[in-house]
Amino acid sequence: MELLKAPKSRFVKVKCSKCNAEQIIFDKASTVVKCIGCGEILARPSGGKAKLESRVVEVI
């Protein structure tokens, strides 16, 4: 019997398609997430899970 529920959200490492910089973001981002290297939009909020506009490298 499981006493604690596992979290439904997590952090993901994404790679920018424009400059190839890697960045760790929250998969339920409530604001627009931009690349720290070039300013390209990596994720947009969508009410629940963010719409990722970049490639996921790793789920943390």
N, C-alpha and C. Protein backbone atom coordinates (compact mmCIF):
# COMPACT_ATOMS: atom_id res chain seq x y z
N MET A 1 0.84 -1.18 0.00
CA MET A 1 0.00 0.00 0.00
C MET A 1 0.89 1.25 0.00
N GLU A 2 0.60 2.17 -0.88
CA GLU A 2 1.38 3.39 -1.01
C GLU A 2 0.76 4.48 -0.13
N LEU A 3 1.55 5.02 0.79
CA LEU A 3 1.05 6.04 1.70
C LEU A 3 1.16 7.45 1.13
N LEU A 4 2.21 7.70 0.38
CA LEU A 4 2.41 9.02 -0.21
C LEU A 4 2.30 8.92 -1.72
N LYS A 5 1.62 9.88 -2.31
CA LYS A 5 1.51 9.91 -3.77
C LYS A 5 2.78 10.49 -4.36
N ALA A 6 3.16 9.98 -5.50
CA ALA A 6 4.32 10.51 -6.22
C ALA A 6 3.92 11.82 -6.89
N PRO A 7 4.83 12.78 -6.97
CA PRO A 7 4.49 14.05 -7.61
C PRO A 7 4.20 13.86 -9.10
N LYS A 8 3.26 14.64 -9.61
CA LYS A 8 2.89 14.54 -11.02
C LYS A 8 3.69 15.50 -11.89
N SER A 9 4.48 16.35 -11.27
CA SER A 9 5.30 17.29 -12.02
C SER A 9 6.77 17.00 -11.75
N ARG A 10 7.61 17.47 -12.63
CA ARG A 10 9.04 17.23 -12.48
C ARG A 10 9.83 18.28 -13.25
N PHE A 11 11.11 18.24 -13.05
CA PHE A 11 12.00 19.13 -13.79
C PHE A 11 12.54 18.36 -14.99
N VAL A 12 12.76 19.07 -16.08
CA VAL A 12 13.31 18.45 -17.28
C VAL A 12 14.47 19.30 -17.80
N LYS A 13 15.46 18.62 -18.35
CA LYS A 13 16.58 19.32 -18.99
C LYS A 13 16.24 19.39 -20.48
N VAL A 14 16.22 20.59 -21.02
CA VAL A 14 15.88 20.79 -22.43
C VAL A 14 17.07 21.41 -23.16
N LYS A 15 17.08 21.24 -24.46
CA LYS A 15 18.16 21.77 -25.30
C LYS A 15 17.56 22.74 -26.30
N CYS A 16 18.10 23.94 -26.35
CA CYS A 16 17.63 24.97 -27.27
C CYS A 16 17.95 24.56 -28.70
N SER A 17 16.99 24.70 -29.59
CA SER A 17 17.19 24.32 -30.99
C SER A 17 18.00 25.36 -31.76
N LYS A 18 18.09 26.56 -31.21
CA LYS A 18 18.81 27.63 -31.90
C LYS A 18 20.30 27.66 -31.55
N CYS A 19 20.62 27.62 -30.24
CA CYS A 19 22.03 27.76 -29.82
C CYS A 19 22.58 26.52 -29.13
N ASN A 20 21.77 25.47 -28.99
CA ASN A 20 22.16 24.20 -28.37
C ASN A 20 22.52 24.30 -26.89
N ALA A 21 22.13 25.37 -26.21
CA ALA A 21 22.36 25.50 -24.77
C ALA A 21 21.38 24.60 -24.04
N GLU A 22 21.82 23.99 -22.94
CA GLU A 22 20.95 23.14 -22.13
C GLU A 22 20.52 23.90 -20.90
N GLN A 23 19.27 23.67 -20.48
CA GLN A 23 18.70 24.39 -19.35
C GLN A 23 17.70 23.48 -18.65
N ILE A 24 17.62 23.58 -17.33
CA ILE A 24 16.66 22.80 -16.55
C ILE A 24 15.45 23.69 -16.28
N ILE A 25 14.25 23.17 -16.63
CA ILE A 25 13.02 23.93 -16.44
C ILE A 25 11.98 23.04 -15.76
N PHE A 26 10.95 23.66 -15.21
CA PHE A 26 9.84 22.96 -14.57
C PHE A 26 8.82 22.62 -15.64
N ASP A 27 8.30 21.40 -15.66
CA ASP A 27 7.40 21.00 -16.74
C ASP A 27 5.99 21.58 -16.61
N LYS A 28 5.69 22.24 -15.49
CA LYS A 28 4.40 22.92 -15.35
C LYS A 28 4.64 24.42 -15.19
N ALA A 29 5.48 24.97 -16.04
CA ALA A 29 5.82 26.39 -15.97
C ALA A 29 4.58 27.24 -16.18
N SER A 30 4.43 28.29 -15.38
CA SER A 30 3.26 29.17 -15.48
C SER A 30 3.60 30.47 -16.20
N THR A 31 4.83 30.61 -16.63
CA THR A 31 5.25 31.77 -17.43
C THR A 31 6.06 31.27 -18.62
N VAL A 32 6.28 32.14 -19.58
CA VAL A 32 7.09 31.79 -20.74
C VAL A 32 8.54 31.61 -20.27
N VAL A 33 9.16 30.50 -20.69
CA VAL A 33 10.55 30.22 -20.32
C VAL A 33 11.41 30.45 -21.56
N LYS A 34 12.42 31.32 -21.41
CA LYS A 34 13.31 31.64 -22.52
C LYS A 34 14.70 31.07 -22.27
N CYS A 35 15.42 30.82 -23.35
CA CYS A 35 16.78 30.31 -23.28
C CYS A 35 17.69 31.36 -22.64
N ILE A 36 18.57 30.91 -21.76
CA ILE A 36 19.48 31.85 -21.12
C ILE A 36 20.60 32.29 -22.06
N GLY A 37 20.80 31.54 -23.15
CA GLY A 37 21.86 31.88 -24.09
C GLY A 37 21.44 32.85 -25.18
N CYS A 38 20.28 32.58 -25.80
CA CYS A 38 19.89 33.38 -26.96
C CYS A 38 18.52 34.03 -26.84
N GLY A 39 17.73 33.67 -25.84
CA GLY A 39 16.41 34.27 -25.66
C GLY A 39 15.29 33.57 -26.41
N GLU A 40 15.58 32.48 -27.08
CA GLU A 40 14.56 31.69 -27.79
C GLU A 40 13.56 31.13 -26.77
N ILE A 41 12.28 31.06 -27.13
CA ILE A 41 11.27 30.53 -26.22
C ILE A 41 11.38 29.01 -26.17
N LEU A 42 11.53 28.48 -24.94
CA LEU A 42 11.66 27.04 -24.73
C LEU A 42 10.34 26.39 -24.32
N ALA A 43 9.50 27.13 -23.57
CA ALA A 43 8.24 26.57 -23.09
C ALA A 43 7.22 27.69 -22.90
N ARG A 44 5.96 27.36 -23.17
CA ARG A 44 4.86 28.31 -22.98
C ARG A 44 3.84 27.68 -22.03
N PRO A 45 3.24 28.49 -21.15
CA PRO A 45 2.23 27.94 -20.25
C PRO A 45 0.97 27.54 -21.02
N SER A 46 0.29 26.51 -20.53
CA SER A 46 -0.94 26.07 -21.21
C SER A 46 -2.03 25.69 -20.22
N GLY A 47 -1.97 26.21 -19.01
CA GLY A 47 -2.98 25.91 -18.01
C GLY A 47 -2.63 24.76 -17.11
N GLY A 48 -1.89 23.80 -17.60
CA GLY A 48 -1.43 22.65 -16.81
C GLY A 48 0.05 22.46 -17.09
N LYS A 49 0.35 21.40 -17.80
CA LYS A 49 1.74 21.20 -18.21
C LYS A 49 2.09 22.21 -19.29
N ALA A 50 3.30 22.71 -19.23
CA ALA A 50 3.75 23.69 -20.21
C ALA A 50 3.93 23.03 -21.57
N LYS A 51 3.71 23.79 -22.63
CA LYS A 51 3.96 23.29 -23.98
C LYS A 51 5.43 23.52 -24.28
N LEU A 52 6.19 22.44 -24.36
CA LEU A 52 7.62 22.54 -24.60
C LEU A 52 7.88 22.74 -26.09
N GLU A 53 8.69 23.73 -26.40
CA GLU A 53 9.03 24.02 -27.79
C GLU A 53 10.49 23.70 -28.06
N SER A 54 11.08 22.88 -27.22
CA SER A 54 12.47 22.48 -27.37
C SER A 54 12.56 20.98 -27.10
N ARG A 55 13.72 20.41 -27.37
CA ARG A 55 13.89 18.97 -27.21
C ARG A 55 14.25 18.63 -25.77
N VAL A 56 13.58 17.64 -25.20
CA VAL A 56 13.86 17.17 -23.84
C VAL A 56 15.07 16.25 -23.90
N VAL A 57 16.09 16.57 -23.12
CA VAL A 57 17.31 15.78 -23.07
C VAL A 57 17.22 14.74 -21.94
N GLU A 58 16.67 15.17 -20.78
CA GLU A 58 16.63 14.28 -19.62
C GLU A 58 15.50 14.71 -18.70
N VAL A 59 14.86 13.73 -18.07
CA VAL A 59 13.85 14.00 -17.05
C VAL A 59 14.52 13.81 -15.71
N ILE A 60 14.46 14.82 -14.86
CA ILE A 60 15.16 14.80 -13.57
C ILE A 60 14.20 14.45 -12.46
